[in-house]
Structures are given as C-alpha cells and as structure tokens.
Amino acid sequence: MAHTSRKSNTNRLLCLLATCLLLFSSCSDNLISRIEFYHPGGSFDHAIDTTEARESFSFLVFSDLHYGRTESGFYLEEEAFLAWLDTYPSTLAFALHLGDGTAYSLESEYRLYRDFLDMLEDRSIEVHAVLGNHDVREYGRTLFIRYINPLTARRFSYKGISFYLLDTGNASLGKVQLDNLMSSVADDPNPKIFCGHVPLYGGPDMFYFSLKDPHERALLVKTMVQNKVGLYLGGHLHINHKLYSYTDTNHEFVCESFHGRDSLIENTLPVWYVFTYDAPSNRITIFRYALKRDGTIGESVVTSVALP
C-alpha cells in the first residue's frame, strides 16, 4: 500500500508540473507577448521615392552599444572603430543602429548614446536607430524621442530600396504598428529591408531571443514574402551572428554586438558590418569587421543574399 501511495503522489506531482508548464507556455505565448505596455504603434506613412532607379551603395550596420553598462568585463572600443571609419576606403551612405543604445534607459546613458551618434554624423554618416528592449524601461521611449529620433517607428528610401525601422522594444510590434506596417509595404513597390532589434525568428534555437508571438511572426513572414522584403535585420543576440532564409530572396540576419564582453555567458569582441548592395545583380554582400585581441581589425565576408 505504501508503494501504491508513493506512486499515486508521484503521478499527482507530474500532473501538476505538466499543468503548470502548460499554463506558463500559454501565458508566455498568448498573453504576455500580446499585451502592449505603452506601445505607441507607428504609421510608416512618411514620403518615400518609389520611382528612383536602383544604384549600388554601401551602408554601415551595428547593434547593442549598451552605454551605461558597468558589469565587470564589459567594454567599448569607440576609438578603434572611429579610426577604422576614418580610413574606410569607400563611401558609406548611412548607418543603421539596431537598438539597445543604453543599458537601463537612463538619461545619462541616452546622452552618451547621442554623443556617439554625433561622432558618426560629424563624419557625414546619418544614423538611423531603432529601439531595443534596454531602451524602453520607464521613460525610455520619451528619452529616445528627445535624444535620438522624434519617431520610434518610421521608414525612408535610398537609391530604390525602402528601409522600415520597427519598434520591437517590447519584443512585439503590437497590433497597431503591425497593421500599419502591412498596409504601408503593400503600397510600396520598392524592394525592402526591415530593421528591428529583437530578431524575427532566426531558427529554432533562437526562441528566447526572438519575437514571442507566433501569430505576429507568421504575419511578418507572410508580409516579407508577398511584398518584396528581402531582409529582416536584428540584434539582441550578442554572442554570434545568424543567417536564416525563409525563401531564396527573403532572409533574416542577426548581428553580433558592437560592444565586447568577457563574462560567464559572453566572450565577445566588438563587431560591426558593412552591407554592400550591388544593383546589377540585385544582391547584398555582408562584410564583418571585428576587433582582434591584438588590437587589429579583421575583415571577412559573411554571405551574399539575393533580394526580391
């Protein structure tokens, strides 16, 4: 009888555990990720040029500055990066920063973030930045609007390609922003690139770091495939880059972090990228630049992807 009782108690415990896991899974996917905590949406109704002929150009991409982070082992190498930038042999049309400019959304951090962007703009490189999850704590969006850009979601076009800057600070676009995005891209005939902080999907091992709502993700992928969105660019992962292809001409690229970190979880060096669009072939080649332990900067080609 004692053995039967122990077995019965074990079964009850397993049943309770399974129920808790089911409830947690349900909440995380179907409740928490769909709540819009002070989410401003985004109209994407800014004027863009849909008649401009496509031309080749290059642009700078980096993510995860995290100004204000003070943990042991964290470091930035602005001087080495700026020295590289000053000697870069080709013109960079603009820069994309893929979020987490701050560590805790503090005003002092936003000022440091702004100072860094100003150093690029002093070199005639306009920076288009998006919000990250570290940028939206408490009054973070208000500070982003004050120091970085009046709009947290927007779009622009350059030489025949449209760039959509998404507000994924809550790990979700929210219904208003997503509806407006789908409507706007449907009326835009240009090839397009989506720029966010939180990755769209990136593969089955990216679940913790990606947008959590599977319905939202499905709508975004459908929007990409049906409306000539060749790339979704994200950050947030820090430790390595990832390329995931949904079709031959619809891809996702997740960037490594611009900062370096030596910790139990991360052992990274500062990384940034140059994306070069070749108009005749309608392809983008991704060049990776990484600071090495000896202080030099290495260059490598990550991949070349076709746009729609």
Protein backbone atom coordinates (compact mmCIF):
# COMPACT_ATOMS: atom_id res chain seq x y z
CA MET A 1 0.00 0.00 0.00
CA ALA A 2 2.85 2.38 0.81
CA HIS A 3 4.35 1.75 -2.64
CA THR A 4 0.97 2.46 -4.29
CA SER A 5 0.58 5.67 -2.31
CA ARG A 6 4.04 6.88 -3.29
CA LYS A 7 3.28 6.08 -6.93
CA SER A 8 -0.02 7.97 -6.70
CA ASN A 9 1.68 11.01 -5.19
CA THR A 10 4.33 10.93 -7.93
CA ASN A 11 1.63 10.85 -10.60
CA ARG A 12 -0.14 13.81 -8.98
CA LEU A 13 3.12 15.74 -8.87
CA LEU A 14 3.85 15.01 -12.52
CA CYS A 15 0.32 16.03 -13.47
CA LEU A 16 0.66 19.28 -11.51
CA LEU A 17 4.02 20.01 -13.14
CA ALA A 18 2.62 19.38 -16.61
CA THR A 19 -0.33 21.68 -15.88
CA CYS A 20 1.99 24.45 -14.67
CA LEU A 21 4.17 24.13 -17.76
CA LEU A 22 1.11 24.26 -19.99
CA LEU A 23 -0.21 27.36 -18.23
CA PHE A 24 3.19 29.06 -18.35
CA SER A 25 3.55 28.28 -22.04
CA SER A 26 0.05 29.56 -22.71
CA CYS A 27 0.68 32.77 -20.79
CA SER A 28 4.03 33.47 -22.38
CA ASP A 29 2.84 32.99 -25.95
CA ASN A 30 -0.80 34.01 -25.80
CA LEU A 31 -1.00 36.65 -23.09
CA ILE A 32 2.25 38.28 -22.04
CA SER A 33 3.67 38.80 -25.53
CA ARG A 34 0.39 40.31 -26.79
CA ILE A 35 -0.03 42.94 -24.08
CA GLU A 36 1.01 46.36 -25.36
CA PHE A 37 2.67 48.12 -22.45
CA TYR A 38 2.64 51.78 -23.53
CA HIS A 39 3.25 50.84 -27.14
CA PRO A 40 2.96 53.87 -29.46
CA GLY A 41 2.40 51.99 -32.70
CA GLY A 42 3.82 53.53 -35.87
CA SER A 43 2.30 54.84 -39.07
CA PHE A 44 5.06 54.29 -41.70
CA ASP A 45 3.36 56.97 -43.79
CA HIS A 46 6.50 59.01 -44.41
CA ALA A 47 7.11 60.06 -48.00
CA ILE A 48 9.48 57.79 -49.92
CA ASP A 49 10.68 57.75 -53.52
CA THR A 50 9.18 54.84 -55.43
CA THR A 51 10.44 55.97 -58.85
CA GLU A 52 14.17 56.22 -58.14
CA ALA A 53 16.37 53.93 -60.20
CA ARG A 54 18.31 51.36 -58.22
CA GLU A 55 22.00 52.07 -57.77
CA SER A 56 24.79 50.30 -55.90
CA PHE A 57 25.74 51.61 -52.44
CA SER A 58 27.10 50.53 -49.06
CA PHE A 59 25.88 51.21 -45.52
CA LEU A 60 27.12 50.58 -42.00
CA VAL A 61 25.26 48.30 -39.56
CA PHE A 62 25.89 47.84 -35.84
CA SER A 63 23.88 46.86 -32.77
CA ASP A 64 23.90 46.80 -28.97
CA LEU A 65 26.01 49.70 -27.73
CA HIS A 66 24.69 49.42 -24.16
CA TYR A 67 26.05 52.73 -22.90
CA GLY A 68 25.92 52.75 -19.10
CA ARG A 69 26.59 49.05 -18.56
CA THR A 70 29.09 48.72 -15.71
CA GLU A 71 29.44 44.97 -15.20
CA SER A 72 32.94 43.60 -14.98
CA GLY A 73 34.31 42.55 -18.37
CA PHE A 74 32.18 44.91 -20.46
CA TYR A 75 33.93 47.32 -22.79
CA LEU A 76 33.51 49.54 -25.85
CA GLU A 77 36.22 50.44 -28.35
CA GLU A 78 34.95 53.66 -29.90
CA GLU A 79 38.42 54.99 -30.74
CA ALA A 80 39.44 51.87 -32.66
CA PHE A 81 36.14 51.90 -34.53
CA LEU A 82 36.38 55.60 -35.41
CA ALA A 83 39.98 55.15 -36.59
CA TRP A 84 38.77 52.34 -38.86
CA LEU A 85 35.88 54.50 -40.07
CA ASP A 86 38.19 57.42 -40.90
CA THR A 87 40.30 55.21 -43.15
CA TYR A 88 37.48 53.20 -44.75
CA PRO A 89 38.16 53.41 -48.50
CA SER A 90 34.61 53.72 -49.81
CA THR A 91 31.63 55.97 -49.14
CA LEU A 92 29.10 54.76 -46.58
CA ALA A 93 25.66 56.14 -47.43
CA PHE A 94 24.32 55.95 -43.87
CA ALA A 95 24.35 53.78 -40.75
CA LEU A 96 21.75 51.57 -39.09
CA HIS A 97 21.89 51.03 -35.34
CA LEU A 98 19.72 48.06 -34.38
CA GLY A 99 18.87 49.01 -30.81
CA ASP A 100 19.99 48.84 -27.19
CA GLY A 101 21.93 52.06 -27.26
CA THR A 102 21.54 52.20 -23.48
CA ALA A 103 21.78 49.74 -20.61
CA TYR A 104 18.98 50.96 -18.34
CA SER A 105 17.17 53.70 -20.32
CA LEU A 106 18.69 56.44 -18.16
CA GLU A 107 19.01 60.00 -19.43
CA SER A 108 22.76 59.98 -18.76
CA GLU A 109 23.04 56.89 -20.98
CA TYR A 110 20.96 58.48 -23.72
CA ARG A 111 23.33 61.45 -23.69
CA LEU A 112 26.34 59.15 -24.20
CA TYR A 113 24.41 57.34 -26.93
CA ARG A 114 23.64 60.66 -28.65
CA ASP A 115 27.28 61.75 -28.37
CA PHE A 116 28.39 58.60 -30.17
CA LEU A 117 25.87 59.04 -32.98
CA ASP A 118 27.01 62.65 -33.32
CA MET A 119 30.57 61.46 -33.91
CA LEU A 120 29.31 59.48 -36.91
CA GLU A 121 27.17 62.31 -38.18
CA ASP A 122 30.15 64.67 -37.86
CA ARG A 123 31.72 62.33 -40.45
CA SER A 124 28.70 62.84 -42.76
CA ILE A 125 27.16 59.46 -41.88
CA GLU A 126 23.50 59.84 -40.94
CA VAL A 127 22.45 57.25 -38.35
CA HIS A 128 19.01 55.61 -38.37
CA ALA A 129 18.44 53.96 -34.98
CA VAL A 130 15.70 51.71 -33.61
CA LEU A 131 14.62 50.98 -30.06
CA GLY A 132 15.86 47.94 -28.15
CA ASN A 133 14.44 46.30 -25.05
CA HIS A 134 17.04 48.08 -22.89
CA ASP A 135 15.91 51.44 -24.29
CA VAL A 136 12.25 51.34 -23.24
CA ARG A 137 12.37 50.99 -19.45
CA GLU A 138 10.24 53.52 -17.58
CA TYR A 139 10.61 56.77 -19.62
CA GLY A 140 12.95 55.27 -22.20
CA ARG A 141 10.75 55.94 -25.22
CA THR A 142 10.34 59.58 -24.17
CA LEU A 143 14.14 59.88 -23.94
CA PHE A 144 14.60 58.16 -27.31
CA ILE A 145 12.24 60.72 -28.84
CA ARG A 146 14.14 63.56 -27.17
CA TYR A 147 17.70 62.44 -27.95
CA ILE A 148 17.59 60.02 -30.89
CA ASN A 149 14.56 60.50 -33.15
CA PRO A 150 11.07 62.02 -32.76
CA LEU A 151 9.56 58.78 -34.13
CA THR A 152 10.14 55.29 -32.76
CA ALA A 153 8.88 53.63 -35.96
CA ARG A 154 9.34 55.07 -39.43
CA ARG A 155 10.65 54.46 -42.96
CA PHE A 156 12.94 56.00 -45.56
CA SER A 157 14.14 55.12 -49.06
CA TYR A 158 17.57 55.24 -50.65
CA LYS A 159 18.51 54.57 -54.28
CA GLY A 160 15.44 52.45 -54.96
CA ILE A 161 15.30 50.46 -51.69
CA SER A 162 12.95 51.16 -48.77
CA PHE A 163 14.05 50.74 -45.16
CA TYR A 164 11.42 50.19 -42.46
CA LEU A 165 12.55 50.93 -38.88
CA LEU A 166 10.46 48.86 -36.46
CA ASP A 167 9.80 49.44 -32.77
CA THR A 168 10.35 45.99 -31.23
CA GLY A 169 11.34 47.29 -27.79
CA ASN A 170 8.59 45.21 -26.16
CA ALA A 171 9.58 42.08 -28.13
CA SER A 172 6.44 42.74 -30.16
CA LEU A 173 5.31 45.27 -32.74
CA GLY A 174 1.82 45.43 -31.27
CA LYS A 175 -1.34 45.31 -33.35
CA VAL A 176 -1.42 48.97 -34.39
CA GLN A 177 2.17 49.04 -35.63
CA LEU A 178 1.86 45.66 -37.36
CA ASP A 179 -1.38 46.62 -39.15
CA ASN A 180 0.13 49.91 -40.33
CA LEU A 181 3.30 48.17 -41.46
CA MET A 182 1.42 45.58 -43.52
CA SER A 183 -0.69 48.30 -45.14
CA SER A 184 2.30 50.53 -45.95
CA VAL A 185 4.51 47.88 -47.51
CA ALA A 186 1.65 46.68 -49.69
CA ASP A 187 1.59 50.14 -51.33
CA ASP A 188 5.39 50.34 -51.69
CA PRO A 189 6.77 48.74 -54.89
CA ASN A 190 10.43 49.06 -53.86
CA PRO A 191 12.49 46.13 -52.57
CA LYS A 192 12.55 46.50 -48.79
CA ILE A 193 14.60 45.88 -45.67
CA PHE A 194 13.05 45.62 -42.19
CA CYS A 195 15.23 46.85 -39.31
CA GLY A 196 14.40 45.90 -35.73
CA HIS A 197 16.16 45.00 -32.50
CA VAL A 198 14.52 41.72 -31.48
CA PRO A 199 15.03 39.03 -34.14
CA LEU A 200 12.05 37.80 -36.09
CA TYR A 201 12.86 34.10 -35.74
CA GLY A 202 16.40 33.20 -36.76
CA GLY A 203 15.90 29.45 -36.34
CA PRO A 204 14.58 27.07 -33.66
CA ASP A 205 17.48 27.74 -31.28
CA MET A 206 16.61 31.45 -31.18
CA PHE A 207 13.30 31.16 -29.32
CA TYR A 208 14.42 33.07 -26.22
CA PHE A 209 15.84 35.93 -28.29
CA SER A 210 13.08 36.31 -30.91
CA LEU A 211 9.62 37.84 -31.16
CA LYS A 212 7.43 35.68 -28.95
CA ASP A 213 4.00 35.83 -30.58
CA PRO A 214 3.84 33.11 -33.28
CA HIS A 215 0.85 34.74 -34.97
CA GLU A 216 2.67 38.07 -35.26
CA ARG A 217 5.75 36.29 -36.59
CA ALA A 218 3.70 34.43 -39.20
CA LEU A 219 2.13 37.68 -40.39
CA LEU A 220 5.55 39.32 -40.66
CA VAL A 221 7.00 36.45 -42.69
CA LYS A 222 3.93 36.47 -44.93
CA THR A 223 4.33 40.23 -45.36
CA MET A 224 8.00 39.80 -46.26
CA VAL A 225 7.37 37.12 -48.87
CA GLN A 226 4.40 38.85 -50.50
CA ASN A 227 5.83 42.39 -50.52
CA LYS A 228 9.47 42.16 -51.64
CA VAL A 229 11.06 42.39 -48.20
CA GLY A 230 14.44 40.79 -48.80
CA LEU A 231 15.96 41.20 -45.33
CA TYR A 232 14.95 41.45 -41.70
CA LEU A 233 17.88 42.84 -39.66
CA GLY A 234 18.03 42.31 -35.91
CA GLY A 235 20.43 42.39 -32.97
CA HIS A 236 19.84 41.40 -29.33
CA LEU A 237 21.68 38.06 -29.54
CA HIS A 238 25.18 39.47 -28.83
CA ILE A 239 27.25 36.29 -28.96
CA ASN A 240 27.27 35.47 -32.69
CA HIS A 241 25.60 36.30 -35.96
CA LYS A 242 22.95 34.18 -37.63
CA LEU A 243 21.55 33.97 -41.14
CA TYR A 244 18.16 32.37 -41.66
CA SER A 245 16.45 32.12 -45.08
CA TYR A 246 12.69 31.87 -45.48
CA THR A 247 12.89 31.69 -49.29
CA ASP A 248 15.67 32.24 -51.83
CA THR A 249 15.03 36.00 -51.68
CA ASN A 250 13.69 36.54 -48.13
CA HIS A 251 16.22 36.36 -45.32
CA GLU A 252 16.91 37.30 -41.72
CA PHE A 253 20.32 38.40 -40.44
CA VAL A 254 21.02 38.73 -36.72
CA CYS A 255 24.05 40.88 -35.85
CA GLU A 256 26.64 40.45 -33.13
CA SER A 257 27.13 43.19 -30.56
CA PHE A 258 29.16 46.35 -31.05
CA HIS A 259 30.48 46.07 -27.50
CA GLY A 260 32.86 43.44 -26.17
CA ARG A 261 32.26 41.39 -23.06
CA ASP A 262 34.22 38.84 -21.06
CA SER A 263 31.83 37.05 -18.73
CA LEU A 264 30.48 33.63 -17.87
CA ILE A 265 27.93 33.87 -20.68
CA GLU A 266 29.70 36.03 -23.26
CA ASN A 267 33.24 36.08 -24.57
CA THR A 268 32.88 38.59 -27.39
CA LEU A 269 34.82 41.31 -29.17
CA PRO A 270 33.36 44.46 -30.80
CA VAL A 271 31.80 43.67 -34.20
CA TRP A 272 30.19 45.80 -36.89
CA TYR A 273 29.22 45.27 -40.53
CA VAL A 274 29.17 46.91 -43.93
CA PHE A 275 26.33 45.88 -46.24
CA THR A 276 27.06 46.45 -49.93
CA TYR A 277 24.18 46.43 -52.38
CA ASP A 278 25.08 45.59 -55.98
CA ALA A 279 22.32 46.88 -58.25
CA PRO A 280 23.16 44.83 -61.40
CA SER A 281 22.91 41.52 -59.54
CA ASN A 282 20.29 42.75 -57.02
CA ARG A 283 22.31 41.19 -54.16
CA ILE A 284 23.64 42.35 -50.81
CA THR A 285 27.05 41.21 -49.59
CA ILE A 286 27.64 41.38 -45.82
CA PHE A 287 31.16 42.23 -44.64
CA ARG A 288 32.00 41.62 -40.97
CA TYR A 289 34.58 43.69 -39.10
CA ALA A 290 35.84 42.54 -35.71
CA LEU A 291 38.38 43.89 -33.28
CA LYS A 292 41.02 41.24 -32.58
CA ARG A 293 42.84 40.53 -29.31
CA ASP A 294 45.98 42.15 -30.69
CA GLY A 295 44.11 45.39 -31.41
CA THR A 296 43.90 44.97 -35.18
CA ILE A 297 40.61 44.80 -37.07
CA GLY A 298 39.77 41.79 -39.19
CA GLU A 299 37.53 41.73 -42.24
CA SER A 300 35.58 38.74 -43.55
CA VAL A 301 32.71 38.13 -45.93
CA VAL A 302 29.73 36.61 -44.13
CA THR A 303 27.44 35.94 -47.06
CA SER A 304 25.77 37.32 -50.18
CA VAL A 305 21.97 37.25 -50.40
CA ALA A 306 19.57 37.91 -53.26
CA LEU A 307 16.79 40.49 -52.89
CA PRO A 308 13.34 40.10 -54.49
